[in-house]
Amino acid sequence: MSGEDGHEVVGQGLLAGWKVLIVDEDFAFVERLTQILREEGARCVGRTQASEVFPTARRERPDLIVAHGVMRDLDGVMFGELLQE
């Protein structure tokens, strides 16, 4: 089912129909945030490896990306620059 804006409607809540990419090295954090956002209706994809982020973002085309500002292989500035390419 699709909402008025064409996004898939997953459930009720503030983020109903949104696709969210969650990026953090801490697997437990990714899992917990996924649970919270799904309760608000979001479809979530989580990644813990910097090398997986860009292929996933290109494939999934998320409406929102929640990313830890500093990862081992990637900082926030570099992340933003690479997303714009």
Protein backbone atom coordinates (compact mmCIF):
# COMPACT_ATOMS: atom_id res chain seq x y z
CA MET A 1 0.00 0.00 0.00
CA SER A 2 1.28 3.50 -0.78
CA GLY A 3 0.64 6.78 0.95
CA GLU A 4 -0.19 10.06 -0.76
CA ASP A 5 3.50 10.75 -1.41
CA GLY A 6 4.09 7.35 -3.04
CA HIS A 7 6.10 5.87 -0.15
CA GLU A 8 5.23 2.37 1.01
CA VAL A 9 3.11 2.48 4.15
CA VAL A 10 4.54 0.06 6.69
CA GLY A 11 2.56 0.99 9.78
CA GLN A 12 1.22 3.83 11.79
CA GLY A 13 3.49 6.46 13.24
CA LEU A 14 5.52 9.52 12.46
CA LEU A 15 7.74 7.72 9.95
CA ALA A 16 5.11 5.58 8.24
CA GLY A 17 6.39 4.69 4.81
CA TRP A 18 9.88 6.18 5.23
CA LYS A 19 12.96 4.15 4.35
CA VAL A 20 15.80 4.78 6.83
CA LEU A 21 19.44 3.75 6.52
CA ILE A 22 21.14 3.44 9.92
CA VAL A 23 24.95 3.52 9.97
CA ASP A 24 27.00 2.81 13.09
CA GLU A 25 29.81 0.44 14.05
CA ASP A 26 27.86 -0.66 17.12
CA PHE A 27 25.56 -3.50 16.03
CA ALA A 28 23.48 -3.29 19.22
CA PHE A 29 22.84 0.41 18.60
CA VAL A 30 21.78 -0.26 15.00
CA GLU A 31 19.42 -3.00 16.16
CA ARG A 32 17.87 -0.88 18.92
CA LEU A 33 17.38 2.16 16.70
CA THR A 34 15.89 -0.08 14.01
CA GLN A 35 13.38 -1.38 16.55
CA ILE A 36 12.43 2.13 17.68
CA LEU A 37 12.03 3.48 14.14
CA ARG A 38 10.03 0.44 13.00
CA GLU A 39 7.61 1.09 15.84
CA GLU A 40 7.06 4.48 14.18
CA GLY A 41 6.37 2.82 10.83
CA ALA A 42 9.78 3.15 9.12
CA ARG A 43 11.39 0.51 6.93
CA CYS A 44 14.98 0.26 8.18
CA VAL A 45 18.24 -0.98 6.74
CA GLY A 46 21.22 -1.11 9.10
CA ARG A 47 24.91 -1.21 8.27
CA THR A 48 27.93 -1.51 10.56
CA GLN A 49 30.69 -1.46 7.91
CA ALA A 50 31.66 1.73 6.10
CA SER A 51 32.31 -0.28 2.93
CA GLU A 52 28.63 -1.35 2.84
CA VAL A 53 27.12 2.12 3.25
CA PHE A 54 27.39 3.55 -0.26
CA PRO A 55 26.27 0.48 -2.23
CA THR A 56 23.33 0.18 0.17
CA ALA A 57 22.44 3.87 -0.12
CA ARG A 58 22.52 3.71 -3.92
CA ARG A 59 20.42 0.53 -4.01
CA GLU A 60 17.91 1.40 -1.29
CA ARG A 61 17.58 5.16 -1.95
CA PRO A 62 16.63 5.94 1.69
CA ASP A 63 14.51 8.92 2.66
CA LEU A 64 16.66 9.44 5.75
CA ILE A 65 20.19 8.40 6.76
CA VAL A 66 21.12 8.27 10.44
CA ALA A 67 24.89 7.95 10.71
CA HIS A 68 27.42 8.01 13.50
CA GLY A 69 29.67 11.02 12.91
CA VAL A 70 32.93 9.12 13.29
CA MET A 71 33.61 5.57 12.14
CA ARG A 72 36.98 3.84 11.82
CA ASP A 73 37.10 4.20 8.04
CA LEU A 74 34.89 7.23 7.54
CA ASP A 75 34.16 10.55 9.21
CA GLY A 76 31.04 12.67 8.85
CA VAL A 77 32.53 15.16 6.38
CA MET A 78 33.85 12.45 4.08
CA PHE A 79 30.53 10.61 4.37
CA GLY A 80 28.58 13.67 3.20
CA GLU A 81 30.97 14.36 0.34
CA LEU A 82 30.81 10.77 -0.90
CA LEU A 83 27.01 10.74 -0.75
CA GLN A 84 26.87 13.78 -3.01
CA GLU A 85 28.97 12.08 -5.73
